[in-house]
Protein backbone atom coordinates (compact mmCIF):
# COMPACT_ATOMS: atom_id res chain seq x y z
CA MET A 1 -11.24 1.60 16.95
CA ASN A 2 -12.39 0.07 13.91
CA SER A 3 -13.42 -3.93 13.41
CA LYS A 4 -11.43 -6.74 12.98
CA THR A 5 -13.66 -7.51 10.19
CA ASP A 6 -12.94 -4.12 8.24
CA VAL A 7 -9.06 -4.83 8.81
CA GLU A 8 -9.63 -8.67 7.53
CA ASP A 9 -11.39 -6.63 3.99
CA ARG A 10 -8.47 -4.65 3.65
CA LEU A 11 -5.96 -7.04 3.71
CA ARG A 12 -8.20 -9.18 1.43
CA LEU A 13 -8.04 -6.51 -0.73
CA ALA A 14 -4.42 -5.71 -0.73
CA LYS A 15 -3.48 -9.51 -1.26
CA TYR A 16 -6.08 -9.60 -4.64
CA HIS A 17 -4.33 -6.56 -5.55
CA LEU A 18 -0.75 -8.17 -5.30
CA GLU A 19 -1.65 -11.37 -7.02
CA GLN A 20 -2.98 -9.18 -9.76
CA ALA A 21 -0.10 -7.27 -9.78
CA ILE A 22 2.05 -10.24 -10.12
CA LYS A 23 0.04 -11.94 -12.58
CA PHE A 24 0.73 -9.32 -14.97
CA GLU A 25 4.42 -8.82 -14.05
CA ASN A 26 5.77 -10.30 -17.18
CA GLU A 27 3.67 -8.73 -19.83
CA HIS A 28 1.93 -5.97 -19.06
CA TYR A 29 3.92 -3.79 -16.76
CA ALA A 30 1.54 -0.38 -16.51
CA GLN A 31 -1.30 -2.82 -14.84
CA ALA A 32 1.03 -4.68 -12.74
CA VAL A 33 2.27 -1.12 -11.71
CA LYS A 34 -1.79 -0.06 -11.07
CA GLU A 35 -2.53 -3.52 -9.05
CA ALA A 36 0.49 -2.76 -7.32
CA GLN A 37 -0.08 0.47 -6.28
CA LEU A 38 -3.29 -0.30 -4.91
CA SER A 39 -2.10 -3.20 -2.84
CA ILE A 40 0.38 -0.75 -1.32
CA GLU A 41 -2.62 1.74 -0.72
CA ASN A 42 -4.72 -1.09 0.67
CA SER A 43 -2.23 -2.67 2.99
CA ALA A 44 -1.10 1.18 4.39
CA LYS A 45 -5.35 1.56 4.89
CA ALA A 46 -5.60 -2.23 6.69
CA ALA A 47 -2.65 -1.21 9.18
CA ILE A 48 -4.55 2.09 9.55
CA SER A 49 -7.80 0.55 10.18
CA CYS A 50 -7.10 -0.91 13.03
CA VAL A 51 -7.47 1.64 15.37
CA ALA A 52 -9.59 4.24 13.23
CA HIS A 53 -11.50 4.50 9.56
CA PRO A 54 -8.90 5.51 7.08
CA ALA A 55 -9.25 8.77 5.26
CA PRO A 56 -10.58 8.62 1.65
CA THR A 57 -6.89 9.19 -0.35
CA HIS A 58 -4.38 7.23 -2.30
CA LYS A 59 -1.37 9.02 -0.02
CA PRO A 60 -2.45 7.37 3.34
CA GLY A 61 1.52 7.14 4.86
CA GLU A 62 1.31 10.48 6.87
CA GLU A 63 -2.05 9.03 8.45
CA LEU A 64 -0.32 5.80 9.21
CA LYS A 65 2.51 7.39 10.58
CA GLY A 66 0.46 9.11 12.84
CA VAL A 67 -1.14 5.62 14.23
CA VAL A 68 2.26 3.89 14.79
CA ASN A 69 3.40 7.50 16.59
CA ARG A 70 0.04 6.95 18.81
CA PHE A 71 0.24 3.62 19.91
CA GLU A 72 4.17 2.83 19.42
CA SER A 73 4.63 1.83 23.23
CA LYS A 74 2.47 -1.02 21.28
CA ILE A 75 4.89 -1.35 18.99
CA PRO A 76 7.89 -3.58 18.65
CA GLU A 77 10.70 -1.39 17.18
CA GLU A 78 11.59 -3.62 14.43
CA LEU A 79 7.55 -3.84 13.28
CA LYS A 80 7.37 -0.02 14.14
CA ALA A 81 10.49 0.74 11.61
CA GLU A 82 8.43 -1.72 9.03
CA LEU A 83 5.51 0.62 9.46
CA TYR A 84 7.40 3.69 8.41
CA ASN A 85 8.52 2.22 5.19
CA LEU A 86 5.08 1.24 4.95
CA ALA A 87 3.89 4.69 5.32
CA ASN A 88 6.44 6.11 2.96
CA TYR A 89 5.66 3.56 0.43
CA SER A 90 2.84 4.38 0.10
CA ASP A 91 3.14 7.83 0.00
CA GLU A 92 5.63 7.20 -2.81
CA ALA A 93 2.94 5.21 -4.77
CA GLY A 94 0.17 7.05 -4.28
CA PRO A 95 0.27 9.66 -7.30
CA LEU A 96 0.66 6.27 -9.39
CA HIS A 97 -2.85 5.97 -8.68
CA THR A 98 -4.12 9.16 -11.01
CA GLU A 99 -1.18 8.31 -13.41
CA MET A 100 -2.45 4.84 -14.28
CA ASP A 101 -5.76 6.09 -15.34
CA TYR A 102 -5.09 9.09 -16.94
CA GLY A 103 -1.39 9.28 -18.14
CA ARG A 104 1.44 11.82 -17.15
CA ARG A 105 1.57 15.28 -18.78
CA VAL A 106 5.06 16.03 -19.43
CA GLY A 107 5.61 19.36 -21.23
CA GLY A 108 2.45 20.21 -22.07
CA ARG A 109 2.15 16.41 -23.75
CA LEU A 110 0.05 13.35 -22.40
CA ILE A 111 2.27 10.53 -21.98
CA LEU A 112 0.65 7.17 -21.70
CA PRO A 113 1.44 4.82 -18.56
CA SER A 114 2.94 2.19 -21.27
CA GLU A 115 4.90 4.79 -22.49
CA PHE A 116 6.96 5.59 -19.34
CA VAL A 117 6.54 2.31 -17.19
CA THR A 118 9.45 0.12 -17.32
CA GLU A 119 9.70 -3.59 -16.14
CA GLU A 120 12.45 -2.72 -13.71
CA MET A 121 9.73 -0.18 -12.22
CA SER A 122 7.16 -2.62 -12.17
CA LYS A 123 9.31 -5.32 -10.66
CA GLU A 124 10.27 -2.61 -8.04
CA LEU A 125 6.91 -1.74 -7.25
CA ILE A 126 5.47 -5.55 -6.67
CA GLU A 127 8.37 -5.99 -4.56
CA LYS A 128 7.55 -3.34 -2.26
CA ALA A 129 4.12 -4.35 -2.58
CA LYS A 130 4.93 -7.78 -1.20
CA PHE A 131 6.77 -6.24 1.74
CA CYS A 132 3.88 -3.69 2.84
CA TYR A 133 0.97 -6.70 2.70
CA GLN A 134 3.49 -8.72 5.10
CA VAL A 135 4.07 -5.63 7.32
CA ALA A 136 0.23 -4.95 7.30
CA PHE A 137 -0.42 -8.57 8.00
CA LYS A 138 2.02 -8.56 10.99
CA PHE A 139 0.46 -5.53 12.61
CA TYR A 140 -2.73 -6.67 11.90
CA GLU A 141 -1.62 -9.83 14.00
CA LEU A 142 -0.04 -8.35 16.59
CA TRP A 143 -3.13 -5.58 17.35
CA PHE A 144 -6.22 -8.11 17.37
CA ARG A 145 -3.80 -10.86 19.83
CA LYS A 146 -3.32 -7.89 22.43
CA ALA A 147 -7.27 -7.08 21.99
CA GLU A 148 -8.02 -10.44 22.69
């Protein structure tokens, strides 16, 4: 098992990136998406950190699903469903990590993040990041309450 401190550090990082995403959401859509993706990724890794050291990946969804499957008898059904959603969101958002830094190649042409990120995309990902943070925090509370 990972330490409670490791999980708390990941949650702090997820919350930091979420706060940054919210700060940028009205003007700098690409930056907001970058921050929201990092929040989602760290939320998933916080949940994983309750039981293991997360792998160094930007798509930790499969690893999180493995954690849920391994400990399913200890997780309430509603939270289990939310953790699966968190896992799916983290895998969906994972490719944005690279695209926000290096752009997106389309037909041999480089498309800048500011050219493909929309306000709608930004707001949607921020809402997912809020959900993911809340789910990771709920799992943390459940896991360490049971451990005490």
